Protein backbone atom coordinates (compact mmCIF):
# COMPACT_ATOMS: atom_id res chain seq x y z
CA UNK A 1 10.98 -14.54 68.34
CA UNK A 2 7.70 -16.64 68.03
CA UNK A 3 5.47 -16.39 64.76
CA UNK A 4 2.03 -17.48 65.15
CA UNK A 5 0.27 -19.20 62.29
CA UNK A 6 -1.92 -16.58 61.31
CA UNK A 7 1.05 -14.13 60.80
CA UNK A 8 2.92 -16.75 58.81
CA UNK A 9 -0.08 -17.47 56.61
CA UNK A 10 -0.70 -13.58 55.88
CA UNK A 11 2.82 -13.22 54.94
CA UNK A 12 2.84 -16.09 52.70
CA UNK A 13 -0.44 -14.92 51.13
CA UNK A 14 1.27 -11.62 50.67
CA UNK A 15 4.50 -12.90 49.16
CA UNK A 16 2.56 -15.16 46.70
CA UNK A 17 0.23 -12.10 45.71
CA UNK A 18 3.32 -9.77 45.20
CA UNK A 19 4.64 -12.45 42.62
CA UNK A 20 1.56 -12.75 40.60
CA UNK A 21 1.05 -8.90 40.53
CA UNK A 22 1.88 -7.13 37.33
CA UNK A 23 4.62 -4.38 37.64
CA UNK A 24 3.37 -0.91 37.61
CA UNK A 25 6.25 0.41 35.57
CA UNK A 26 8.00 -1.44 32.82
CA UNK A 27 11.54 -2.47 33.80
CA UNK A 28 14.25 0.10 32.54
CA UNK A 29 17.02 -1.23 30.46
CA UNK A 30 20.53 -0.73 32.22
CA UNK A 31 22.39 -0.17 29.10
CA UNK A 32 21.40 1.15 25.84
CA UNK A 33 20.42 -1.49 23.36
CA UNK A 34 22.69 -2.82 20.80
CA UNK A 35 20.30 -3.37 18.04
CA UNK A 36 17.25 -1.55 16.71
CA UNK A 37 14.09 -2.76 18.10
CA UNK A 38 11.96 -5.11 16.00
CA UNK A 39 8.44 -4.35 14.86
CA UNK A 40 5.69 -6.48 16.34
CA UNK A 41 4.56 -9.18 14.47
CA UNK A 42 1.84 -8.47 12.19
CA UNK A 43 -1.35 -10.52 11.11
CA UNK A 44 0.43 -11.73 8.10
CA UNK A 45 4.29 -12.26 9.17
CA UNK A 46 6.82 -12.29 6.48
CA UNK A 47 10.34 -13.72 6.74
CA UNK A 48 11.76 -10.36 6.57
CA UNK A 49 8.87 -8.37 8.27
CA UNK A 50 11.10 -6.20 10.43
CA UNK A 51 13.27 -5.13 7.25
CA UNK A 52 10.30 -4.54 5.08
CA UNK A 53 9.32 -0.99 4.65
CA UNK A 54 5.93 0.10 5.69
CA UNK A 55 3.37 -0.08 3.05
CA UNK A 56 1.38 3.46 2.34
CA UNK A 57 -2.41 2.85 2.22
CA UNK A 58 -2.90 5.48 -0.39
CA UNK A 59 -0.93 7.16 -3.15
CA UNK A 60 0.39 10.92 -2.43
CA UNK A 61 3.00 12.94 -4.12
CA UNK A 62 4.61 13.40 -0.68
CA UNK A 63 5.79 9.63 -0.39
CA UNK A 64 9.31 9.12 -0.76
CA UNK A 65 10.76 6.94 -3.85
CA UNK A 66 11.04 3.97 -1.65
CA UNK A 67 7.53 4.34 -0.36
CA UNK A 68 6.31 4.90 -3.90
CA UNK A 69 7.99 1.68 -5.10
CA UNK A 70 6.93 -0.36 -2.02
CA UNK A 71 3.24 0.91 -2.77
CA UNK A 72 3.46 -0.16 -6.51
CA UNK A 73 4.60 -3.51 -5.70
CA UNK A 74 2.45 -4.44 -2.98
CA UNK A 75 -0.77 -2.49 -3.70
CA UNK A 76 -1.11 -1.56 -7.52
CA UNK A 77 0.40 -4.66 -9.27
CA UNK A 78 -1.42 -6.98 -7.39
CA UNK A 79 -4.71 -5.21 -7.91
CA UNK A 80 -4.14 -4.39 -11.53
CA UNK A 81 -2.44 -7.49 -12.79
CA UNK A 82 -5.74 -9.53 -12.58
CA UNK A 83 -7.62 -6.63 -14.41
CA UNK A 84 -5.05 -6.71 -17.43
CA UNK A 85 -4.72 -10.56 -17.71
CA UNK A 86 -8.70 -10.94 -17.74
CA UNK A 87 -8.50 -8.75 -20.79
CA UNK A 88 -5.59 -10.55 -22.46
CA UNK A 89 -3.78 -13.44 -20.47
CA UNK A 90 -1.23 -13.87 -23.04
CA UNK A 91 -0.19 -10.31 -23.76
CA UNK A 92 -0.01 -9.41 -19.93
CA UNK A 93 1.17 -12.98 -18.42
CA UNK A 94 4.46 -11.01 -17.51
CA UNK A 95 2.41 -8.00 -16.01
CA UNK A 96 4.84 -5.93 -13.83
CA UNK A 97 6.81 -2.63 -13.65
CA UNK A 98 7.58 -2.65 -17.45
CA UNK A 99 4.03 -2.83 -18.34
CA UNK A 100 3.54 0.89 -17.34
CA UNK A 101 7.09 2.00 -17.06
CA UNK A 102 8.71 0.42 -20.11
CA UNK A 103 12.05 -1.08 -20.14
CA UNK A 104 13.76 2.23 -19.46
CA UNK A 105 11.60 2.45 -16.23
CA UNK A 106 9.95 5.87 -17.22
CA UNK A 107 7.02 7.64 -15.68
CA UNK A 108 4.07 6.05 -17.21
CA UNK A 109 2.92 9.49 -18.78
CA UNK A 110 6.33 9.45 -20.64
CA UNK A 111 5.85 5.64 -21.86
CA UNK A 112 2.21 4.86 -22.23
CA UNK A 113 0.64 6.24 -25.49
CA UNK A 114 -0.53 10.10 -25.24
CA UNK A 115 -4.15 10.60 -25.42
CA UNK A 116 -5.78 13.48 -27.17
CA UNK A 117 -8.63 15.77 -26.12
CA UNK A 118 -10.57 17.58 -28.87
CA UNK A 119 -12.86 19.99 -27.30
CA UNK A 120 -14.36 18.21 -24.46
CA UNK A 121 -14.13 14.60 -26.01
CA UNK A 122 -11.27 12.10 -25.81
CA UNK A 123 -10.33 10.97 -29.37
CA UNK A 124 -9.54 7.47 -28.46
CA UNK A 125 -13.08 6.55 -27.96
CA UNK A 126 -13.72 7.00 -31.63
CA UNK A 127 -10.19 5.69 -32.51
CA UNK A 128 -10.08 2.61 -30.32
CA UNK A 129 -13.39 2.06 -28.77
CA UNK A 130 -12.76 -1.41 -27.32
CA UNK A 131 -9.46 -0.26 -25.60
CA UNK A 132 -11.10 2.81 -24.15
CA UNK A 133 -14.19 0.98 -22.86
CA UNK A 134 -11.82 -1.27 -21.28
CA UNK A 135 -9.79 1.37 -19.58
CA UNK A 136 -12.95 3.27 -18.71
CA UNK A 137 -15.02 0.32 -17.29
CA UNK A 138 -12.15 -1.84 -15.71
CA UNK A 139 -8.79 -0.16 -15.59
CA UNK A 140 -9.74 3.17 -14.35
CA UNK A 141 -12.03 2.25 -11.44
CA UNK A 142 -9.69 -0.52 -10.12
CA UNK A 143 -6.74 1.85 -10.30
CA UNK A 144 -8.39 4.72 -8.43
CA UNK A 145 -9.47 2.17 -5.95
CA UNK A 146 -6.01 0.76 -5.40
CA UNK A 147 -4.52 4.32 -5.34
CA UNK A 148 -6.89 5.43 -2.54
CA UNK A 149 -8.88 7.91 -4.68
CA UNK A 150 -12.13 8.55 -6.28
CA UNK A 151 -12.40 8.00 -9.89
CA UNK A 152 -12.26 11.30 -11.95
CA UNK A 153 -15.32 13.30 -12.00
CA UNK A 154 -15.74 15.59 -14.99
CA UNK A 155 -18.35 17.80 -13.19
CA UNK A 156 -15.74 18.57 -10.25
CA UNK A 157 -12.60 17.77 -12.14
CA UNK A 158 -11.31 15.95 -9.21
CA UNK A 159 -10.30 12.31 -8.84
CA UNK A 160 -8.02 9.86 -10.71
CA UNK A 161 -8.47 10.00 -14.25
CA UNK A 162 -6.69 9.02 -17.53
CA UNK A 163 -3.98 11.67 -16.82
CA UNK A 164 -3.12 9.75 -13.78
CA UNK A 165 -0.91 7.56 -16.32
CA UNK A 166 -1.18 9.04 -19.73
CA UNK A 167 -0.04 12.42 -20.95
CA UNK A 168 -3.25 14.20 -22.21
CA UNK A 169 -2.69 16.50 -25.43
CA UNK A 170 -5.41 19.23 -25.49
CA UNK A 171 -6.36 20.26 -29.01
């Protein structure tokens, strides 16, 4: 059998083209994988990126306990530590879980001081004006932002407000 040069050249060109062509379907595994697939690398890889739980983008009461803990550690603490440390670097040098949850790790509304509403006014503004101003001007907006919420709006009675962390006693 005799092959002509044009035939050989065409066959060679087709075989080279076939080698460079992407497969139309991904190859299928022949056996079940023995390990769970790892997540694709993120823009900021960490040493244990595949083992780290996904960080929620906003707070929700439907988050699991693990998701809430991750959210607090990865979002809330980095956002709020500088706010408190700017107000009192010495007092809040060790800003962390215990700052809001206490040594027994209670819910913040069980650990932080209760606030009192008399009529439509928070008594803390008269009792502790400096702390109240700091909380309203600095803490509340940053906490709402970190939580993925709007600050509390008295007109609509919606948003993140003092009652997000403190118990509110109505008098």
